[in-house]
Full PDB file with SEQRES, HELIX, SHEET, SSBOND, CRYST1, ORIGX, SCALE, CONECT and MASTER records, all heavy atoms in Angstrom:
SEQRES   1 A   40  ASP LEU ARG GLY VAL ASP LEU ASP ALA LEU THR GLY ALA          
SEQRES   2 A   40  VAL PRO LEU GLY ILE ALA LEU GLY LEU PHE PHE GLY LYS          
SEQRES   3 A   40  GLN VAL GLY VAL PHE GLY LEU THR TYR ALA ALA VAL LYS          
SEQRES   4 A   40  THR                                                          
HELIX    1 AA1 LEU A    7  LEU A   10  1                                   4    
HELIX    2 AA2 ALA A   13  LEU A   20  1                                   8    
HELIX    3 AA3 GLY A   21  GLY A   25  3                                   5    
HELIX    4 AA4 LYS A   26  LYS A   39  1                                  14    
CRYST1    1.000    1.000    1.000  90.00  90.00  90.00 P 1           1          
ORIGX1      1.000000  0.000000  0.000000        0.00000                         
ORIGX2      0.000000  1.000000  0.000000        0.00000                         
ORIGX3      0.000000  0.000000  1.000000        0.00000                         
SCALE1      1.000000  0.000000  0.000000        0.00000                         
SCALE2      0.000000  1.000000  0.000000        0.00000                         
SCALE3      0.000000  0.000000  1.000000        0.00000                         
ATOM      1  N   ASP A   1      40.378  57.254  17.331  1.00  0.00           N  
ATOM      2  CA  ASP A   1      40.184  58.700  17.509  1.00  0.00           C  
ATOM      3  C   ASP A   1      41.418  59.406  16.986  1.00  0.00           C  
ATOM      4  O   ASP A   1      42.491  59.344  17.602  1.00  0.00           O  
ATOM      5  CB  ASP A   1      39.973  58.989  18.996  1.00  0.00           C  
ATOM      6  CG  ASP A   1      39.527  60.441  19.240  1.00  0.00           C  
ATOM      7  OD1 ASP A   1      39.616  61.238  18.283  1.00  0.00           O  
ATOM      8  OD2 ASP A   1      39.114  60.753  20.371  1.00  0.00           O  
ATOM      9  N   LEU A   2      41.290  60.092  15.871  1.00  0.00           N  
ATOM     10  CA  LEU A   2      42.422  60.762  15.232  1.00  0.00           C  
ATOM     11  C   LEU A   2      42.642  62.182  15.723  1.00  0.00           C  
ATOM     12  O   LEU A   2      43.614  62.824  15.374  1.00  0.00           O  
ATOM     13  CB  LEU A   2      42.221  60.780  13.710  1.00  0.00           C  
ATOM     14  CG  LEU A   2      42.153  59.400  13.035  1.00  0.00           C  
ATOM     15  CD1 LEU A   2      41.847  59.566  11.550  1.00  0.00           C  
ATOM     16  CD2 LEU A   2      43.455  58.630  13.220  1.00  0.00           C  
ATOM     17  N   ARG A   3      41.719  62.673  16.557  1.00  0.00           N  
ATOM     18  CA  ARG A   3      41.881  64.021  17.087  1.00  0.00           C  
ATOM     19  C   ARG A   3      43.034  64.043  18.078  1.00  0.00           C  
ATOM     20  O   ARG A   3      43.112  63.248  19.001  1.00  0.00           O  
ATOM     21  CB  ARG A   3      40.575  64.456  17.764  1.00  0.00           C  
ATOM     22  CG  ARG A   3      39.425  64.691  16.810  1.00  0.00           C  
ATOM     23  CD  ARG A   3      38.098  64.778  17.524  1.00  0.00           C  
ATOM     24  NE  ARG A   3      37.716  63.503  18.138  1.00  0.00           N  
ATOM     25  CZ  ARG A   3      36.551  63.289  18.734  1.00  0.00           C  
ATOM     26  NH1 ARG A   3      35.643  64.230  18.772  1.00  0.00           N  
ATOM     27  NH2 ARG A   3      36.283  62.118  19.265  1.00  0.00           N  
ATOM     28  N   GLY A   4      43.924  64.959  17.860  1.00  0.00           N  
ATOM     29  CA  GLY A   4      45.082  65.058  18.739  1.00  0.00           C  
ATOM     30  C   GLY A   4      46.226  64.160  18.382  1.00  0.00           C  
ATOM     31  O   GLY A   4      47.251  64.106  19.081  1.00  0.00           O  
ATOM     32  N   VAL A   5      46.111  63.414  17.266  1.00  0.00           N  
ATOM     33  CA  VAL A   5      47.206  62.529  16.834  1.00  0.00           C  
ATOM     34  C   VAL A   5      48.339  63.393  16.283  1.00  0.00           C  
ATOM     35  O   VAL A   5      48.141  64.210  15.394  1.00  0.00           O  
ATOM     36  CB  VAL A   5      46.722  61.547  15.766  1.00  0.00           C  
ATOM     37  CG1 VAL A   5      47.892  60.779  15.171  1.00  0.00           C  
ATOM     38  CG2 VAL A   5      45.715  60.582  16.361  1.00  0.00           C  
ATOM     39  N   ASP A   6      49.526  63.221  16.854  1.00  0.00           N  
ATOM     40  CA  ASP A   6      50.693  63.970  16.374  1.00  0.00           C  
ATOM     41  C   ASP A   6      51.840  62.991  16.128  1.00  0.00           C  
ATOM     42  O   ASP A   6      51.660  61.771  16.187  1.00  0.00           O  
ATOM     43  CB  ASP A   6      51.101  65.042  17.381  1.00  0.00           C  
ATOM     44  CG  ASP A   6      51.297  64.469  18.800  1.00  0.00           C  
ATOM     45  OD1 ASP A   6      51.450  63.230  18.916  1.00  0.00           O  
ATOM     46  OD2 ASP A   6      51.293  65.238  19.766  1.00  0.00           O  
ATOM     47  N   LEU A   7      53.011  63.524  15.866  1.00  0.00           N  
ATOM     48  CA  LEU A   7      54.171  62.691  15.548  1.00  0.00           C  
ATOM     49  C   LEU A   7      54.530  61.762  16.698  1.00  0.00           C  
ATOM     50  O   LEU A   7      54.898  60.598  16.486  1.00  0.00           O  
ATOM     51  CB  LEU A   7      55.377  63.558  15.180  1.00  0.00           C  
ATOM     52  CG  LEU A   7      56.627  62.825  14.689  1.00  0.00           C  
ATOM     53  CD1 LEU A   7      56.304  62.021  13.423  1.00  0.00           C  
ATOM     54  CD2 LEU A   7      57.768  63.807  14.430  1.00  0.00           C  
ATOM     55  N   ASP A   8      54.376  62.269  17.930  1.00  0.00           N  
ATOM     56  CA  ASP A   8      54.705  61.424  19.086  1.00  0.00           C  
ATOM     57  C   ASP A   8      53.760  60.229  19.159  1.00  0.00           C  
ATOM     58  O   ASP A   8      54.178  59.118  19.517  1.00  0.00           O  
ATOM     59  CB  ASP A   8      54.586  62.253  20.374  1.00  0.00           C  
ATOM     60  CG  ASP A   8      55.692  63.296  20.500  1.00  0.00           C  
ATOM     61  OD1 ASP A   8      56.741  63.080  19.871  1.00  0.00           O  
ATOM     62  OD2 ASP A   8      55.496  64.286  21.219  1.00  0.00           O  
ATOM     63  N   ALA A   9      52.485  60.455  18.843  1.00  0.00           N  
ATOM     64  CA  ALA A   9      51.532  59.353  18.868  1.00  0.00           C  
ATOM     65  C   ALA A   9      51.843  58.322  17.790  1.00  0.00           C  
ATOM     66  O   ALA A   9      51.732  57.110  18.019  1.00  0.00           O  
ATOM     67  CB  ALA A   9      50.114  59.892  18.685  1.00  0.00           C  
ATOM     68  N   LEU A  10      52.255  58.800  16.609  1.00  0.00           N  
ATOM     69  CA  LEU A  10      52.549  57.886  15.502  1.00  0.00           C  
ATOM     70  C   LEU A  10      53.828  57.079  15.749  1.00  0.00           C  
ATOM     71  O   LEU A  10      53.956  55.977  15.235  1.00  0.00           O  
ATOM     72  CB  LEU A  10      52.704  58.683  14.205  1.00  0.00           C  
ATOM     73  CG  LEU A  10      51.433  59.375  13.688  1.00  0.00           C  
ATOM     74  CD1 LEU A  10      51.771  60.239  12.479  1.00  0.00           C  
ATOM     75  CD2 LEU A  10      50.361  58.363  13.328  1.00  0.00           C  
ATOM     76  N   THR A  11      54.746  57.632  16.510  1.00  0.00           N  
ATOM     77  CA  THR A  11      56.045  56.955  16.714  1.00  0.00           C  
ATOM     78  C   THR A  11      56.117  56.308  18.107  1.00  0.00           C  
ATOM     79  O   THR A  11      57.206  55.946  18.540  1.00  0.00           O  
ATOM     80  CB  THR A  11      57.199  57.954  16.546  1.00  0.00           C  
ATOM     81  OG1 THR A  11      57.017  59.064  17.462  1.00  0.00           O  
ATOM     82  CG2 THR A  11      57.252  58.468  15.130  1.00  0.00           C  
ATOM     83  N   GLY A  12      54.994  56.170  18.802  1.00  0.00           N  
ATOM     84  CA  GLY A  12      55.013  55.462  20.069  1.00  0.00           C  
ATOM     85  C   GLY A  12      55.388  54.007  19.876  1.00  0.00           C  
ATOM     86  O   GLY A  12      55.244  53.431  18.797  1.00  0.00           O  
ATOM     87  N   ALA A  13      55.875  53.376  20.934  1.00  0.00           N  
ATOM     88  CA  ALA A  13      56.362  52.009  20.854  1.00  0.00           C  
ATOM     89  C   ALA A  13      55.290  51.035  20.384  1.00  0.00           C  
ATOM     90  O   ALA A  13      55.558  50.114  19.596  1.00  0.00           O  
ATOM     91  CB  ALA A  13      56.926  51.568  22.198  1.00  0.00           C  
ATOM     92  N   VAL A  14      54.061  51.206  20.863  1.00  0.00           N  
ATOM     93  CA  VAL A  14      52.975  50.257  20.481  1.00  0.00           C  
ATOM     94  C   VAL A  14      52.560  50.434  19.018  1.00  0.00           C  
ATOM     95  O   VAL A  14      52.617  49.474  18.243  1.00  0.00           O  
ATOM     96  CB  VAL A  14      51.767  50.410  21.433  1.00  0.00           C  
ATOM     97  CG1 VAL A  14      50.577  49.610  20.909  1.00  0.00           C  
ATOM     98  CG2 VAL A  14      52.144  49.939  22.834  1.00  0.00           C  
ATOM     99  N   PRO A  15      52.130  51.641  18.590  1.00  0.00           N  
ATOM    100  CA  PRO A  15      51.712  51.748  17.188  1.00  0.00           C  
ATOM    101  C   PRO A  15      52.841  51.509  16.196  1.00  0.00           C  
ATOM    102  O   PRO A  15      52.635  50.894  15.151  1.00  0.00           O  
ATOM    103  CB  PRO A  15      51.186  53.196  17.076  1.00  0.00           C  
ATOM    104  CG  PRO A  15      51.741  53.918  18.241  1.00  0.00           C  
ATOM    105  CD  PRO A  15      51.909  52.911  19.321  1.00  0.00           C  
ATOM    106  N   LEU A  16      54.051  51.952  16.555  1.00  0.00           N  
ATOM    107  CA  LEU A  16      55.183  51.745  15.649  1.00  0.00           C  
ATOM    108  C   LEU A  16      55.572  50.263  15.589  1.00  0.00           C  
ATOM    109  O   LEU A  16      55.870  49.747  14.500  1.00  0.00           O  
ATOM    110  CB  LEU A  16      56.383  52.572  16.121  1.00  0.00           C  
ATOM    111  CG  LEU A  16      57.497  52.758  15.067  1.00  0.00           C  
ATOM    112  CD1 LEU A  16      56.977  53.491  13.845  1.00  0.00           C  
ATOM    113  CD2 LEU A  16      58.668  53.548  15.683  1.00  0.00           C  
ATOM    114  N   GLY A  17      55.525  49.588  16.743  1.00  0.00           N  
ATOM    115  CA  GLY A  17      55.828  48.156  16.760  1.00  0.00           C  
ATOM    116  C   GLY A  17      54.858  47.368  15.938  1.00  0.00           C  
ATOM    117  O   GLY A  17      55.232  46.434  15.201  1.00  0.00           O  
ATOM    118  N   ILE A  18      53.571  47.721  16.035  1.00  0.00           N  
ATOM    119  CA  ILE A  18      52.539  47.036  15.241  1.00  0.00           C  
ATOM    120  C   ILE A  18      52.689  47.342  13.762  1.00  0.00           C  
ATOM    121  O   ILE A  18      52.682  46.423  12.913  1.00  0.00           O  
ATOM    122  CB  ILE A  18      51.127  47.422  15.717  1.00  0.00           C  
ATOM    123  CG1 ILE A  18      50.897  46.963  17.159  1.00  0.00           C  
ATOM    124  CG2 ILE A  18      50.072  46.859  14.800  1.00  0.00           C  
ATOM    125  CD1 ILE A  18      49.626  47.507  17.780  1.00  0.00           C  
ATOM    126  N   ALA A  19      52.852  48.626  13.428  1.00  0.00           N  
ATOM    127  CA  ALA A  19      52.945  49.027  12.015  1.00  0.00           C  
ATOM    128  C   ALA A  19      54.174  48.415  11.332  1.00  0.00           C  
ATOM    129  O   ALA A  19      54.068  47.846  10.227  1.00  0.00           O  
ATOM    130  CB  ALA A  19      52.969  50.542  11.912  1.00  0.00           C  
ATOM    131  N   LEU A  20      55.315  48.520  11.978  1.00  0.00           N  
ATOM    132  CA  LEU A  20      56.540  47.956  11.380  1.00  0.00           C  
ATOM    133  C   LEU A  20      56.509  46.444  11.362  1.00  0.00           C  
ATOM    134  O   LEU A  20      57.049  45.810  10.447  1.00  0.00           O  
ATOM    135  CB  LEU A  20      57.777  48.464  12.140  1.00  0.00           C  
ATOM    136  CG  LEU A  20      58.050  49.978  12.051  1.00  0.00           C  
ATOM    137  CD1 LEU A  20      59.323  50.330  12.810  1.00  0.00           C  
ATOM    138  CD2 LEU A  20      58.180  50.419  10.596  1.00  0.00           C  
ATOM    139  N   GLY A  21      55.878  45.845  12.397  1.00  0.00           N  
ATOM    140  CA  GLY A  21      55.742  44.406  12.404  1.00  0.00           C  
ATOM    141  C   GLY A  21      54.914  43.917  11.222  1.00  0.00           C  
ATOM    142  O   GLY A  21      55.293  42.972  10.532  1.00  0.00           O  
ATOM    143  N   LEU A  22      53.780  44.569  10.977  1.00  0.00           N  
ATOM    144  CA  LEU A  22      52.933  44.185   9.849  1.00  0.00           C  
ATOM    145  C   LEU A  22      53.619  44.467   8.506  1.00  0.00           C  
ATOM    146  O   LEU A  22      53.573  43.644   7.598  1.00  0.00           O  
ATOM    147  CB  LEU A  22      51.601  44.951   9.927  1.00  0.00           C  
ATOM    148  CG  LEU A  22      50.605  44.504  11.005  1.00  0.00           C  
ATOM    149  CD1 LEU A  22      49.451  45.484  11.097  1.00  0.00           C  
ATOM    150  CD2 LEU A  22      50.081  43.090  10.721  1.00  0.00           C  
ATOM    151  N   PHE A  23      54.261  45.618   8.416  1.00  0.00           N  
ATOM    152  CA  PHE A  23      54.813  46.027   7.117  1.00  0.00           C  
ATOM    153  C   PHE A  23      56.140  45.319   6.793  1.00  0.00           C  
ATOM    154  O   PHE A  23      56.278  44.726   5.722  1.00  0.00           O  
ATOM    155  CB  PHE A  23      55.019  47.529   7.087  1.00  0.00           C  
ATOM    156  CG  PHE A  23      55.462  48.056   5.730  1.00  0.00           C  
ATOM    157  CD1 PHE A  23      54.589  48.066   4.678  1.00  0.00           C  
ATOM    158  CD2 PHE A  23      56.765  48.495   5.531  1.00  0.00           C  
ATOM    159  CE1 PHE A  23      54.983  48.529   3.401  1.00  0.00           C  
ATOM    160  CE2 PHE A  23      57.178  48.966   4.298  1.00  0.00           C  
ATOM    161  CZ  PHE A  23      56.281  48.981   3.225  1.00  0.00           C  
ATOM    162  N   PHE A  24      57.086  45.355   7.708  1.00  0.00           N  
ATOM    163  CA  PHE A  24      58.385  44.736   7.437  1.00  0.00           C  
ATOM    164  C   PHE A  24      58.437  43.283   7.909  1.00  0.00           C  
ATOM    165  O   PHE A  24      58.944  42.405   7.208  1.00  0.00           O  
ATOM    166  CB  PHE A  24      59.524  45.522   8.121  1.00  0.00           C  
ATOM    167  CG  PHE A  24      59.802  46.846   7.452  1.00  0.00           C  
ATOM    168  CD1 PHE A  24      59.526  48.033   8.096  1.00  0.00           C  
ATOM    169  CD2 PHE A  24      60.345  46.907   6.175  1.00  0.00           C  
ATOM    170  CE1 PHE A  24      59.784  49.254   7.508  1.00  0.00           C  
ATOM    171  CE2 PHE A  24      60.597  48.125   5.561  1.00  0.00           C  
ATOM    172  CZ  PHE A  24      60.322  49.303   6.235  1.00  0.00           C  
ATOM    173  N   GLY A  25      57.961  43.044   9.126  1.00  0.00           N  
ATOM    174  CA  GLY A  25      58.065  41.710   9.688  1.00  0.00           C  
ATOM    175  C   GLY A  25      57.361  40.644   8.866  1.00  0.00           C  
ATOM    176  O   GLY A  25      57.881  39.564   8.657  1.00  0.00           O  
ATOM    177  N   LYS A  26      56.167  40.973   8.384  1.00  0.00           N  
ATOM    178  CA  LYS A  26      55.416  40.006   7.578  1.00  0.00           C  
ATOM    179  C   LYS A  26      56.107  39.678   6.277  1.00  0.00           C  
ATOM    180  O   LYS A  26      56.294  38.519   5.921  1.00  0.00           O  
ATOM    181  CB  LYS A  26      54.006  40.555   7.298  1.00  0.00           C  
ATOM    182  CG  LYS A  26      52.998  40.342   8.405  1.00  0.00           C  
ATOM    183  CD  LYS A  26      52.611  38.876   8.496  1.00  0.00           C  
ATOM    184  CE  LYS A  26      51.482  38.635   9.471  1.00  0.00           C  
ATOM    185  NZ  LYS A  26      51.137  37.212   9.591  1.00  0.00           N  
ATOM    186  N   GLN A  27      56.504  40.716   5.527  1.00  0.00           N  
ATOM    187  CA  GLN A  27      57.079  40.443   4.226  1.00  0.00           C  
ATOM    188  C   GLN A  27      58.435  39.753   4.326  1.00  0.00           C  
ATOM    189  O   GLN A  27      58.759  38.840   3.551  1.00  0.00           O  
ATOM    190  CB  GLN A  27      57.173  41.710   3.373  1.00  0.00           C  
ATOM    191  CG  GLN A  27      57.938  42.853   3.982  1.00  0.00           C  
ATOM    192  CD  GLN A  27      58.020  44.048   3.031  1.00  0.00           C  
ATOM    193  OE1 GLN A  27      58.804  44.066   2.109  1.00  0.00           O  
ATOM    194  NE2 GLN A  27      57.169  45.043   3.272  1.00  0.00           N  
ATOM    195  N   VAL A  28      59.231  40.150   5.322  1.00  0.00           N  
ATOM    196  CA  VAL A  28      60.538  39.504   5.522  1.00  0.00           C  
ATOM    197  C   VAL A  28      60.355  38.060   5.970  1.00  0.00           C  
ATOM    198  O   VAL A  28      61.006  37.133   5.459  1.00  0.00           O  
ATOM    199  CB  VAL A  28      61.391  40.279   6.540  1.00  0.00           C  
ATOM    200  CG1 VAL A  28      62.637  39.482   6.914  1.00  0.00           C  
ATOM    201  CG2 VAL A  28      61.771  41.647   5.982  1.00  0.00           C  
ATOM    202  N   GLY A  29      59.441  37.829   6.917  1.00  0.00           N  
ATOM    203  CA  GLY A  29      59.232  36.481   7.429  1.00  0.00           C  
ATOM    204  C   GLY A  29      58.650  35.545   6.404  1.00  0.00           C  
ATOM    205  O   GLY A  29      59.136  34.422   6.205  1.00  0.00           O  
ATOM    206  N   VAL A  30      57.590  35.981   5.697  1.00  0.00           N  
ATOM    207  CA  VAL A  30      56.929  35.140   4.695  1.00  0.00           C  
ATOM    208  C   VAL A  30      57.844  34.881   3.508  1.00  0.00           C  
ATOM    209  O   VAL A  30      58.053  33.734   3.100  1.00  0.00           O  
ATOM    210  CB  VAL A  30      55.595  35.769   4.235  1.00  0.00           C  
ATOM    211  CG1 VAL A  30      55.015  35.016   3.032  1.00  0.00           C  
ATOM    212  CG2 VAL A  30      54.585  35.795   5.379  1.00  0.00           C  
ATOM    213  N   PHE A  31      58.388  35.965   2.933  1.00  0.00           N  
ATOM    214  CA  PHE A  31      59.224  35.797   1.742  1.00  0.00           C  
ATOM    215  C   PHE A  31      60.535  35.083   2.087  1.00  0.00           C  
ATOM    216  O   PHE A  31      60.997  34.224   1.334  1.00  0.00           O  
ATOM    217  CB  PHE A  31      59.533  37.152   1.108  1.00  0.00           C  
ATOM    218  CG  PHE A  31      60.266  37.032  -0.209  1.00  0.00           C  
ATOM    219  CD1 PHE A  31      59.552  36.752  -1.382  1.00  0.00           C  
ATOM    220  CD2 PHE A  31      61.638  37.214  -0.282  1.00  0.00           C  
ATOM    221  CE1 PHE A  31      60.234  36.656  -2.594  1.00  0.00           C  
ATOM    222  CE2 PHE A  31      62.300  37.096  -1.498  1.00  0.00           C  
ATOM    223  CZ  PHE A  31      61.602  36.826  -2.662  1.00  0.00           C  
ATOM    224  N   GLY A  32      61.106  35.423   3.249  1.00  0.00           N  
ATOM    225  CA  GLY A  32      62.393  34.819   3.641  1.00  0.00           C  
ATOM    226  C   GLY A  32      62.312  33.323   3.798  1.00  0.00           C  
ATOM    227  O   GLY A  32      63.129  32.572   3.247  1.00  0.00           O  
ATOM    228  N   LEU A  33      61.312  32.826   4.532  1.00  0.00           N  
ATOM    229  CA  LEU A  33      61.191  31.383   4.725  1.00  0.00           C  
ATOM    230  C   LEU A  33      60.741  30.679   3.449  1.00  0.00           C  
ATOM    231  O   LEU A  33      61.136  29.529   3.193  1.00  0.00           O  
ATOM    232  CB  LEU A  33      60.230  31.085   5.872  1.00  0.00           C  
ATOM    233  CG  LEU A  33      60.835  31.105   7.266  1.00  0.00           C  
ATOM    234  CD1 LEU A  33      59.873  30.478   8.287  1.00  0.00           C  
ATOM    235  CD2 LEU A  33      62.168  30.367   7.346  1.00  0.00           C  
ATOM    236  N   THR A  34      59.906  31.361   2.630  1.00  0.00           N  
ATOM    237  CA  THR A  34      59.508  30.769   1.356  1.00  0.00           C  
ATOM    238  C   THR A  34      60.720  30.582   0.458  1.00  0.00           C  
ATOM    239  O   THR A  34      60.917  29.517  -0.152  1.00  0.00           O  
ATOM    240  CB  THR A  34      58.479  31.663   0.640  1.00  0.00           C  
ATOM    241  OG1 THR A  34      57.324  31.795   1.471  1.00  0.00           O  
ATOM    242  CG2 THR A  34      58.082  31.083  -0.699  1.00  0.00           C  
ATOM    243  N   TYR A  35      61.548  31.595   0.371  1.00  0.00           N  
ATOM    244  CA  TYR A  35      62.756  31.540  -0.469  1.00  0.00           C  
ATOM    245  C   TYR A  35      63.705  30.441   0.014  1.00  0.00           C  
ATOM    246  O   TYR A  35      64.210  29.635  -0.777  1.00  0.00           O  
ATOM    247  CB  TYR A  35      63.471  32.903  -0.444  1.00  0.00           C  
ATOM    248  CG  TYR A  35      64.662  32.992  -1.381  1.00  0.00           C  
ATOM    249  CD1 TYR A  35      64.468  33.299  -2.729  1.00  0.00           C  
ATOM    250  CD2 TYR A  35      65.947  32.761  -0.912  1.00  0.00           C  
ATOM    251  CE1 TYR A  35      65.566  33.371  -3.585  1.00  0.00           C  
ATOM    252  CE2 TYR A  35      67.043  32.842  -1.763  1.00  0.00           C  
ATOM    253  CZ  TYR A  35      66.853  33.145  -3.105  1.00  0.00           C  
ATOM    254  OH  TYR A  35      67.930  33.210  -3.955  1.00  0.00           O  
ATOM    255  N   ALA A  36      63.910  30.391   1.339  1.00  0.00           N  
ATOM    256  CA  ALA A  36      64.791  29.379   1.908  1.00  0.00           C  
ATOM    257  C   ALA A  36      64.261  27.972   1.672  1.00  0.00           C  
ATOM    258  O   ALA A  36      65.020  27.059   1.339  1.00  0.00           O  
ATOM    259  CB  ALA A  36      64.968  29.625   3.414  1.00  0.00           C  
ATOM    260  N   ALA A  37      62.941  27.782   1.814  1.00  0.00           N  
ATOM    261  CA  ALA A  37      62.353  26.457   1.628  1.00  0.00           C  
ATOM    262  C   ALA A  37      62.475  25.982   0.180  1.00  0.00           C  
ATOM    263  O   ALA A  37      62.787  24.809  -0.076  1.00  0.00           O  
ATOM    264  CB  ALA A  37      60.872  26.484   2.036  1.00  0.00           C  
ATOM    265  N   VAL A  38      62.268  26.880  -0.790  1.00  0.00           N  
ATOM    266  CA  VAL A  38      62.368  26.509  -2.187  1.00  0.00           C  
ATOM    267  C   VAL A  38      63.825  26.246  -2.595  1.00  0.00           C  
ATOM    268  O   VAL A  38      64.115  25.263  -3.289  1.00  0.00           O  
ATOM    269  CB  VAL A  38      61.733  27.602  -3.081  1.00  0.00           C  
ATOM    270  CG1 VAL A  38      61.996  27.319  -4.570  1.00  0.00           C  
ATOM    271  CG2 VAL A  38      60.248  27.703  -2.821  1.00  0.00           C  
ATOM    272  N   LYS A  39      64.724  27.111  -2.171  1.00  0.00           N  
ATOM    273  CA  LYS A  39      66.133  26.970  -2.547  1.00  0.00           C  
ATOM    274  C   LYS A  39      66.787  25.747  -1.939  1.00  0.00           C  
ATOM    275  O   LYS A  39      67.742  25.190  -2.504  1.00  0.00           O  
ATOM    276  CB  LYS A  39      66.901  28.242  -2.173  1.00  0.00           C  
ATOM    277  CG  LYS A  39      66.518  29.464  -3.001  1.00  0.00           C  
ATOM    278  CD  LYS A  39      66.700  29.207  -4.491  1.00  0.00           C  
ATOM    279  CE  LYS A  39      66.291  30.417  -5.327  1.00  0.00           C  
ATOM    280  NZ  LYS A  39      66.448  30.168  -6.769  1.00  0.00           N  
ATOM    281  N   THR A  40      66.306  25.302  -0.772  1.00  0.00           N  
ATOM    282  CA  THR A  40      66.876  24.111  -0.147  1.00  0.00           C  
ATOM    283  C   THR A  40      66.177  22.839  -0.595  1.00  0.00           C  
ATOM    284  O   THR A  40      66.557  21.741  -0.182  1.00  0.00           O  
ATOM    285  CB  THR A  40      66.774  24.208   1.393  1.00  0.00           C  
ATOM    286  OG1 THR A  40      65.426  24.440   1.771  1.00  0.00           O  
ATOM    287  CG2 THR A  40      67.658  25.335   1.907  1.00  0.00           C  
TER     288      THR A  40                                                      
MASTER        0    0    0    4    0    0    0    6  287    1    0    4          
END                                                                             
């Protein structure tokens, strides 16, 4: 339900934790361990 969605809703701990986890956490975790595994 996007009605009433404002900046506070977008920056809440739950949606922000999920969004940043998917966006930053995934790419850092996948690429980081892949790079380390190949280089070692």
